[in-house]
Amino acid sequence: MKVIKGDCRLQTAVDYLTDYTGVIGAVIADHEGLVVVCSPPSLMHGEKFAALGPEMFDIADRIIGKIITPGCRHISLRTGDRWLTVAATLNFRLVVLADEKADDLLNVRIQRALEMIANHIKEKYPAEVYSARPEAIKKEEAMEASHV
């Protein structure tokens, strides 16, 4: 699993989540579903969790897009013993896996972690990097390729 070293503030955001009772792991992924950072670093299947974000949002947008405007930003699923949350901030996804010991206050931590991620990205990168929608980037690349 390739993890970007030196992004301590992003690591702090996921560590903040995994310090909470019941949280098994947390991953920050880019818009393509690649791992940026994860906690704990030994998280099994961290790459699979990272890839879930874009896929879950795509499926949700296809389903809800028939009823309301697509643009899913937060999905939370609970089973008998697990709680999976996928939330977006800028062009990044935060994936959090917890067990039944976690309570609803985890949502507060997730929101705080999203703020930490957004603040770090806005401070470190120019707006063009984090504000471009992935679909727009793909269209630009396709147009460039057709003009070559």
N, C-alpha and C. Protein backbone atom coordinates (compact mmCIF):
# COMPACT_ATOMS: atom_id res chain seq x y z
N MET A 1 0.86 -1.17 0.00
CA MET A 1 0.00 0.00 0.00
C MET A 1 0.90 1.23 0.00
N LYS A 2 0.71 2.10 -0.96
CA LYS A 2 1.52 3.32 -1.08
C LYS A 2 0.89 4.41 -0.24
N VAL A 3 1.61 4.89 0.75
CA VAL A 3 1.13 5.95 1.62
C VAL A 3 2.05 7.16 1.46
N ILE A 4 1.49 8.33 1.29
CA ILE A 4 2.27 9.54 1.14
C ILE A 4 2.86 9.91 2.49
N LYS A 5 4.19 9.97 2.53
CA LYS A 5 4.85 10.33 3.78
C LYS A 5 4.95 11.85 3.86
N GLY A 6 4.95 12.37 5.06
CA GLY A 6 5.09 13.80 5.24
C GLY A 6 3.75 14.52 5.37
N ASP A 7 2.66 13.86 5.11
CA ASP A 7 1.35 14.47 5.30
C ASP A 7 0.86 14.18 6.71
N CYS A 8 1.61 14.68 7.68
CA CYS A 8 1.32 14.38 9.09
C CYS A 8 -0.06 14.86 9.50
N ARG A 9 -0.53 15.97 8.95
CA ARG A 9 -1.84 16.48 9.35
C ARG A 9 -2.96 15.58 8.85
N LEU A 10 -2.78 14.97 7.69
CA LEU A 10 -3.76 14.01 7.22
C LEU A 10 -3.72 12.76 8.08
N GLN A 11 -2.51 12.34 8.44
CA GLN A 11 -2.38 11.18 9.33
C GLN A 11 -3.01 11.48 10.68
N THR A 12 -2.85 12.70 11.17
CA THR A 12 -3.45 13.10 12.43
C THR A 12 -4.97 12.98 12.36
N ALA A 13 -5.56 13.33 11.22
CA ALA A 13 -7.02 13.26 11.06
C ALA A 13 -7.52 11.83 11.19
N VAL A 14 -6.85 10.88 10.54
CA VAL A 14 -7.31 9.49 10.64
C VAL A 14 -6.97 8.88 11.99
N ASP A 15 -5.84 9.28 12.57
CA ASP A 15 -5.50 8.80 13.92
C ASP A 15 -6.52 9.29 14.94
N TYR A 16 -6.99 10.51 14.76
CA TYR A 16 -8.02 11.09 15.62
C TYR A 16 -9.27 10.20 15.62
N LEU A 17 -9.58 9.65 14.48
CA LEU A 17 -10.75 8.75 14.38
C LEU A 17 -10.48 7.40 15.02
N THR A 18 -9.32 6.83 14.75
CA THR A 18 -9.05 5.49 15.28
C THR A 18 -8.77 5.49 16.78
N ASP A 19 -8.57 6.67 17.35
CA ASP A 19 -8.44 6.76 18.81
C ASP A 19 -9.79 6.59 19.50
N TYR A 20 -10.87 6.69 18.74
CA TYR A 20 -12.21 6.61 19.31
C TYR A 20 -12.62 5.15 19.51
N THR A 21 -13.30 4.87 20.59
CA THR A 21 -13.73 3.53 20.93
C THR A 21 -14.58 2.93 19.81
N GLY A 22 -14.20 1.75 19.39
CA GLY A 22 -14.97 1.03 18.38
C GLY A 22 -14.52 1.23 16.95
N VAL A 23 -13.66 2.21 16.70
CA VAL A 23 -13.21 2.44 15.32
C VAL A 23 -12.09 1.45 15.00
N ILE A 24 -12.31 0.71 13.92
CA ILE A 24 -11.36 -0.31 13.50
C ILE A 24 -10.28 0.29 12.61
N GLY A 25 -10.69 1.19 11.73
CA GLY A 25 -9.73 1.81 10.84
C GLY A 25 -10.34 2.97 10.08
N ALA A 26 -9.47 3.81 9.54
CA ALA A 26 -9.89 4.96 8.75
C ALA A 26 -8.89 5.16 7.63
N VAL A 27 -9.41 5.53 6.46
CA VAL A 27 -8.59 5.73 5.27
C VAL A 27 -8.99 7.03 4.60
N ILE A 28 -8.01 7.80 4.16
CA ILE A 28 -8.26 8.93 3.28
C ILE A 28 -7.80 8.48 1.90
N ALA A 29 -8.71 8.62 0.93
CA ALA A 29 -8.42 8.22 -0.44
C ALA A 29 -8.63 9.41 -1.37
N ASP A 30 -7.95 9.38 -2.51
CA ASP A 30 -8.17 10.43 -3.50
C ASP A 30 -9.42 10.09 -4.31
N HIS A 31 -9.74 10.93 -5.30
CA HIS A 31 -10.98 10.75 -6.06
C HIS A 31 -10.98 9.48 -6.91
N GLU A 32 -9.83 8.87 -7.10
CA GLU A 32 -9.75 7.62 -7.85
C GLU A 32 -9.79 6.39 -6.95
N GLY A 33 -9.82 6.62 -5.64
CA GLY A 33 -9.88 5.50 -4.70
C GLY A 33 -8.52 4.96 -4.29
N LEU A 34 -7.48 5.77 -4.45
CA LEU A 34 -6.14 5.36 -4.04
C LEU A 34 -5.85 5.87 -2.63
N VAL A 35 -5.18 5.06 -1.84
CA VAL A 35 -4.88 5.41 -0.45
C VAL A 35 -3.93 6.59 -0.39
N VAL A 36 -4.30 7.59 0.41
CA VAL A 36 -3.41 8.71 0.71
C VAL A 36 -2.76 8.43 2.06
N VAL A 37 -3.57 8.20 3.08
CA VAL A 37 -3.09 7.76 4.40
C VAL A 37 -4.13 6.83 5.01
N CYS A 38 -3.68 6.01 5.96
CA CYS A 38 -4.63 5.16 6.67
C CYS A 38 -4.16 4.96 8.10
N SER A 39 -5.10 4.60 8.94
CA SER A 39 -4.80 4.34 10.34
C SER A 39 -5.66 3.17 10.80
N PRO A 40 -5.11 2.21 11.46
CA PRO A 40 -3.68 2.04 11.69
C PRO A 40 -2.97 1.71 10.39
N PRO A 41 -1.66 1.98 10.32
CA PRO A 41 -0.92 1.71 9.08
C PRO A 41 -1.02 0.25 8.63
N SER A 42 -1.25 -0.64 9.58
CA SER A 42 -1.36 -2.07 9.26
C SER A 42 -2.78 -2.48 8.90
N LEU A 43 -3.68 -1.50 8.68
CA LEU A 43 -5.07 -1.80 8.38
C LEU A 43 -5.17 -2.80 7.23
N MET A 44 -5.76 -3.95 7.53
CA MET A 44 -5.95 -4.96 6.50
C MET A 44 -7.00 -4.46 5.52
N HIS A 45 -6.77 -4.65 4.27
CA HIS A 45 -7.70 -4.27 3.22
C HIS A 45 -7.89 -2.75 3.11
N GLY A 46 -6.92 -1.97 3.54
CA GLY A 46 -7.01 -0.52 3.43
C GLY A 46 -7.25 -0.06 2.01
N GLU A 47 -6.61 -0.73 1.06
CA GLU A 47 -6.78 -0.37 -0.35
C GLU A 47 -8.19 -0.67 -0.83
N LYS A 48 -8.78 -1.76 -0.32
CA LYS A 48 -10.16 -2.09 -0.69
C LYS A 48 -11.12 -1.04 -0.13
N PHE A 49 -10.89 -0.63 1.11
CA PHE A 49 -11.74 0.40 1.71
C PHE A 49 -11.63 1.71 0.93
N ALA A 50 -10.41 2.05 0.53
CA ALA A 50 -10.20 3.29 -0.22
C ALA A 50 -10.94 3.25 -1.56
N ALA A 51 -10.92 2.11 -2.20
CA ALA A 51 -11.59 1.97 -3.50
C ALA A 51 -13.11 2.00 -3.37
N LEU A 52 -13.62 1.72 -2.18
CA LEU A 52 -15.07 1.73 -1.95
C LEU A 52 -15.69 3.11 -2.14
N GLY A 53 -14.97 4.15 -1.73
CA GLY A 53 -15.52 5.51 -1.74
C GLY A 53 -16.11 5.93 -3.07
N PRO A 54 -15.29 6.01 -4.12
CA PRO A 54 -15.83 6.43 -5.41
C PRO A 54 -16.91 5.49 -5.94
N GLU A 55 -16.73 4.19 -5.71
CA GLU A 55 -17.70 3.22 -6.21
C GLU A 55 -19.05 3.39 -5.52
N MET A 56 -19.04 3.57 -4.20
CA MET A 56 -20.29 3.75 -3.46
C MET A 56 -20.99 5.04 -3.88
N PHE A 57 -20.22 6.11 -4.07
CA PHE A 57 -20.82 7.37 -4.48
C PHE A 57 -21.40 7.28 -5.88
N ASP A 58 -20.71 6.59 -6.78
CA ASP A 58 -21.23 6.41 -8.14
C ASP A 58 -22.56 5.65 -8.12
N ILE A 59 -22.61 4.57 -7.36
CA ILE A 59 -23.84 3.77 -7.27
C ILE A 59 -24.96 4.59 -6.65
N ALA A 60 -24.66 5.29 -5.56
CA ALA A 60 -25.69 6.10 -4.90
C ALA A 60 -26.20 7.19 -5.84
N ASP A 61 -25.30 7.83 -6.58
CA ASP A 61 -25.72 8.89 -7.51
C ASP A 61 -26.61 8.34 -8.62
N ARG A 62 -26.29 7.14 -9.10
CA ARG A 62 -27.15 6.53 -10.13
C ARG A 62 -28.53 6.23 -9.59
N ILE A 63 -28.62 5.80 -8.35
CA ILE A 63 -29.91 5.46 -7.77
C ILE A 63 -30.69 6.72 -7.38
N ILE A 64 -30.07 7.60 -6.60
CA ILE A 64 -30.80 8.79 -6.15
C ILE A 64 -30.95 9.83 -7.25
N GLY A 65 -30.11 9.74 -8.28
CA GLY A 65 -30.19 10.69 -9.38
C GLY A 65 -31.51 10.64 -10.11
N LYS A 66 -32.24 9.56 -9.95
CA LYS A 66 -33.56 9.42 -10.55
C LYS A 66 -34.61 10.18 -9.75
N ILE A 67 -34.30 10.50 -8.51
CA ILE A 67 -35.26 11.13 -7.60
C ILE A 67 -34.86 12.56 -7.25
N ILE A 68 -33.58 12.73 -6.87
CA ILE A 68 -33.08 14.05 -6.48
C ILE A 68 -31.77 14.32 -7.22
N THR A 69 -31.27 15.50 -7.09
CA THR A 69 -30.02 15.88 -7.74
C THR A 69 -28.88 15.02 -7.21
N PRO A 70 -28.13 14.37 -8.09
CA PRO A 70 -26.99 13.56 -7.63
C PRO A 70 -25.90 14.45 -7.05
N GLY A 71 -24.98 13.86 -6.37
CA GLY A 71 -23.88 14.58 -5.75
C GLY A 71 -23.68 14.11 -4.33
N CYS A 72 -23.70 12.80 -4.15
CA CYS A 72 -23.58 12.19 -2.84
C CYS A 72 -22.31 12.68 -2.13
N ARG A 73 -22.43 13.05 -0.88
CA ARG A 73 -21.29 13.54 -0.09
C ARG A 73 -21.05 12.72 1.17
N HIS A 74 -22.05 11.88 1.57
CA HIS A 74 -21.92 11.14 2.82
C HIS A 74 -22.81 9.90 2.77
N ILE A 75 -22.22 8.75 3.04
CA ILE A 75 -22.98 7.50 3.12
C ILE A 75 -22.60 6.82 4.42
N SER A 76 -23.60 6.35 5.14
CA SER A 76 -23.36 5.62 6.38
C SER A 76 -24.20 4.36 6.35
N LEU A 77 -23.55 3.22 6.49
CA LEU A 77 -24.22 1.91 6.47
C LEU A 77 -23.94 1.19 7.78
N ARG A 78 -24.99 0.61 8.35
CA ARG A 78 -24.82 -0.16 9.58
C ARG A 78 -25.38 -1.56 9.39
N THR A 79 -24.60 -2.52 9.84
CA THR A 79 -25.07 -3.89 9.88
C THR A 79 -25.17 -4.26 11.35
N GLY A 80 -25.37 -5.51 11.64
CA GLY A 80 -25.47 -5.92 13.04
C GLY A 80 -24.24 -5.63 13.86
N ASP A 81 -23.07 -5.76 13.26
CA ASP A 81 -21.84 -5.59 14.03
C ASP A 81 -20.83 -4.61 13.42
N ARG A 82 -21.16 -3.99 12.31
CA ARG A 82 -20.23 -3.05 11.67
C ARG A 82 -20.93 -1.77 11.26
N TRP A 83 -20.13 -0.72 11.14
CA TRP A 83 -20.61 0.60 10.76
C TRP A 83 -19.59 1.15 9.76
N LEU A 84 -20.02 1.37 8.54
CA LEU A 84 -19.14 1.89 7.49
C LEU A 84 -19.64 3.26 7.07
N THR A 85 -18.74 4.24 7.12
CA THR A 85 -19.07 5.59 6.70
C THR A 85 -18.10 6.01 5.61
N VAL A 86 -18.64 6.58 4.54
CA VAL A 86 -17.83 7.16 3.48
C VAL A 86 -18.30 8.60 3.33
N ALA A 87 -17.37 9.54 3.47
CA ALA A 87 -17.72 10.95 3.38
C ALA A 87 -16.70 11.66 2.49
N ALA A 88 -17.17 12.67 1.78
CA ALA A 88 -16.31 13.40 0.84
C ALA A 88 -16.02 14.80 1.34
N THR A 89 -14.82 15.24 1.06
CA THR A 89 -14.44 16.62 1.25
C THR A 89 -13.47 16.97 0.13
N LEU A 90 -13.78 18.04 -0.57
CA LEU A 90 -13.01 18.43 -1.75
C LEU A 90 -12.98 17.22 -2.70
N ASN A 91 -11.82 16.80 -3.17
CA ASN A 91 -11.75 15.63 -4.06
C ASN A 91 -11.23 14.40 -3.33
N PHE A 92 -11.43 14.34 -2.03
CA PHE A 92 -10.96 13.23 -1.23
C PHE A 92 -12.12 12.53 -0.54
N ARG A 93 -11.91 11.26 -0.21
CA ARG A 93 -12.91 10.46 0.48
C ARG A 93 -12.34 9.98 1.81
N LEU A 94 -13.15 10.03 2.82
CA LEU A 94 -12.79 9.50 4.12
C LEU A 94 -13.65 8.26 4.35
N VAL A 95 -13.00 7.13 4.58
CA VAL A 95 -13.71 5.88 4.81
C VAL A 95 -13.39 5.44 6.24
N VAL A 96 -14.45 5.20 7.03
CA VAL A 96 -14.28 4.83 8.43
C VAL A 96 -15.04 3.53 8.69
N LEU A 97 -14.35 2.57 9.28
CA LEU A 97 -14.97 1.30 9.65
C LEU A 97 -14.95 1.19 11.16
N ALA A 98 -16.12 0.92 11.74
CA ALA A 98 -16.23 0.79 13.19
C ALA A 98 -17.04 -0.46 13.53
N ASP A 99 -16.96 -0.86 14.79
CA ASP A 99 -17.77 -1.99 15.24
C ASP A 99 -18.90 -1.49 16.13
N GLU A 100 -19.59 -2.42 16.77
CA GLU A 100 -20.78 -2.05 17.55
C GLU A 100 -20.46 -1.24 18.81
N LYS A 101 -19.20 -1.15 19.20
CA LYS A 101 -18.83 -0.35 20.38
C LYS A 101 -18.89 1.15 20.10
N ALA A 102 -18.81 1.53 18.84
CA ALA A 102 -18.86 2.96 18.47
C ALA A 102 -20.29 3.47 18.64
N ASP A 103 -20.41 4.72 19.08
CA ASP A 103 -21.73 5.32 19.24
C ASP A 103 -21.91 6.47 18.26
N ASP A 104 -23.05 7.14 18.33
CA ASP A 104 -23.36 8.20 17.38
C ASP A 104 -22.44 9.41 17.47
N LEU A 105 -21.71 9.55 18.57
CA LEU A 105 -20.76 10.65 18.67
C LEU A 105 -19.60 10.49 17.68
N LEU A 106 -19.47 9.31 17.11
CA LEU A 106 -18.46 9.12 16.07
C LEU A 106 -18.72 10.07 14.90
N ASN A 107 -19.98 10.36 14.63
CA ASN A 107 -20.31 11.30 13.55
C ASN A 107 -19.68 12.67 13.77
N VAL A 108 -19.60 13.09 15.02
CA VAL A 108 -18.98 14.37 15.35
C VAL A 108 -17.49 14.31 15.01
N ARG A 109 -16.86 13.21 15.36
CA ARG A 109 -15.43 13.05 15.05
C ARG A 109 -15.21 13.00 13.54
N ILE A 110 -16.10 12.34 12.83
CA ILE A 110 -15.97 12.26 11.37
C ILE A 110 -16.05 13.66 10.77
N GLN A 111 -17.00 14.47 11.23
CA GLN A 111 -17.12 15.84 10.72
C GLN A 111 -15.87 16.65 11.04
N ARG A 112 -15.34 16.48 12.22
CA ARG A 112 -14.12 17.20 12.61
C ARG A 112 -12.94 16.75 11.74
N ALA A 113 -12.83 15.45 11.48
CA ALA A 113 -11.76 14.94 10.64
C ALA A 113 -11.88 15.49 9.22
N LEU A 114 -13.11 15.57 8.70
CA LEU A 114 -13.32 16.15 7.37
C LEU A 114 -12.86 17.60 7.32
N GLU A 115 -13.13 18.35 8.39
CA GLU A 115 -12.67 19.74 8.46
C GLU A 115 -11.14 19.80 8.48
N MET A 116 -10.51 18.91 9.23
CA MET A 116 -9.06 18.87 9.31
C MET A 116 -8.46 18.58 7.93
N ILE A 117 -9.06 17.64 7.21
CA ILE A 117 -8.58 17.27 5.89
C ILE A 117 -8.72 18.46 4.94
N ALA A 118 -9.90 19.05 4.90
CA ALA A 118 -10.17 20.18 4.01
C ALA A 118 -9.23 21.35 4.30
N ASN A 119 -9.06 21.68 5.56
CA ASN A 119 -8.17 22.79 5.92
C ASN A 119 -6.74 22.53 5.47
N HIS A 120 -6.27 21.32 5.66
CA HIS A 120 -4.90 20.98 5.26
C HIS A 120 -4.74 21.09 3.74
N ILE A 121 -5.68 20.52 3.00
CA ILE A 121 -5.59 20.53 1.54
C ILE A 121 -5.64 21.97 1.02
N LYS A 122 -6.54 22.79 1.58
CA LYS A 122 -6.66 24.19 1.12
C LYS A 122 -5.40 24.99 1.41
N GLU A 123 -4.74 24.70 2.53
CA GLU A 123 -3.52 25.41 2.88
C GLU A 123 -2.33 24.96 2.03
N LYS A 124 -2.31 23.68 1.67
CA LYS A 124 -1.14 23.13 1.01
C LYS A 124 -1.17 23.24 -0.51
N TYR A 125 -2.35 23.20 -1.11
CA TYR A 125 -2.46 23.14 -2.56
C TYR A 125 -3.26 24.31 -3.12
N PRO A 126 -2.99 24.68 -4.38
CA PRO A 126 -3.79 25.75 -5.01
C PRO A 126 -5.21 25.23 -5.29
N ALA A 127 -6.15 26.15 -5.38
CA ALA A 127 -7.56 25.80 -5.56
C ALA A 127 -7.80 24.95 -6.80
N GLU A 128 -7.02 25.14 -7.85
CA GLU A 128 -7.22 24.37 -9.08
C GLU A 128 -7.06 22.87 -8.83
N VAL A 129 -6.23 22.52 -7.87
CA VAL A 129 -5.95 21.10 -7.60
C VAL A 129 -7.14 20.44 -6.92
N TYR A 130 -7.71 21.09 -5.93
CA TYR A 130 -8.76 20.42 -5.16
C TYR A 130 -10.18 20.79 -5.57
N SER A 131 -10.34 21.81 -6.40
CA SER A 131 -11.70 22.20 -6.75
C SER A 131 -12.17 21.62 -8.08
N ALA A 132 -11.25 21.14 -8.90
CA ALA A 132 -11.65 20.55 -10.19
C ALA A 132 -12.34 19.23 -9.95
N ARG A 133 -13.50 19.06 -10.56
CA ARG A 133 -14.22 17.81 -10.43
C ARG A 133 -13.53 16.76 -11.28
N PRO A 134 -13.42 15.52 -10.80
CA PRO A 134 -12.75 14.47 -11.57
C PRO A 134 -13.31 14.31 -12.99
N GLU A 135 -14.62 14.47 -13.17
CA GLU A 135 -15.21 14.33 -14.50
C GLU A 135 -14.67 15.42 -15.43
N ALA A 136 -14.51 16.64 -14.90
CA ALA A 136 -14.00 17.75 -15.70
C ALA A 136 -12.55 17.48 -16.10
N ILE A 137 -11.78 16.92 -15.20
CA ILE A 137 -10.38 16.60 -15.50
C ILE A 137 -10.32 15.56 -16.62
N LYS A 138 -11.14 14.53 -16.54
CA LYS A 138 -11.15 13.49 -17.56
C LYS A 138 -11.55 14.06 -18.91
N LYS A 139 -12.52 14.97 -18.93
CA LYS A 139 -12.95 15.58 -20.20
C LYS A 139 -11.83 16.41 -20.80
N GLU A 140 -11.11 17.17 -19.94
CA GLU A 140 -10.00 17.98 -20.42
C GLU A 140 -8.92 17.10 -21.02
N GLU A 141 -8.59 15.99 -20.35
CA GLU A 141 -7.57 15.08 -20.85
C GLU A 141 -8.00 14.49 -22.19
N ALA A 142 -9.26 14.13 -22.31
CA ALA A 142 -9.78 13.57 -23.57
C ALA A 142 -9.69 14.60 -24.69
N MET A 143 -10.00 15.85 -24.36
CA MET A 143 -9.94 16.90 -25.37
C MET A 143 -8.50 17.14 -25.79
N GLU A 144 -7.56 17.15 -24.83
CA GLU A 144 -6.15 17.33 -25.15
C GLU A 144 -5.66 16.20 -26.05
N ALA A 145 -6.07 14.98 -25.73
CA ALA A 145 -5.63 13.83 -26.52
C ALA A 145 -6.17 13.91 -27.95
N SER A 146 -7.36 14.45 -28.11
CA SER A 146 -7.94 14.53 -29.46
C SER A 146 -7.31 15.63 -30.30
N HIS A 147 -6.65 16.60 -29.66
CA HIS A 147 -6.03 17.69 -30.39
C HIS A 147 -4.55 17.42 -30.71
N VAL A 148 -4.03 16.31 -30.26
CA VAL A 148 -2.63 16.00 -30.49
C VAL A 148 -2.43 15.33 -31.81
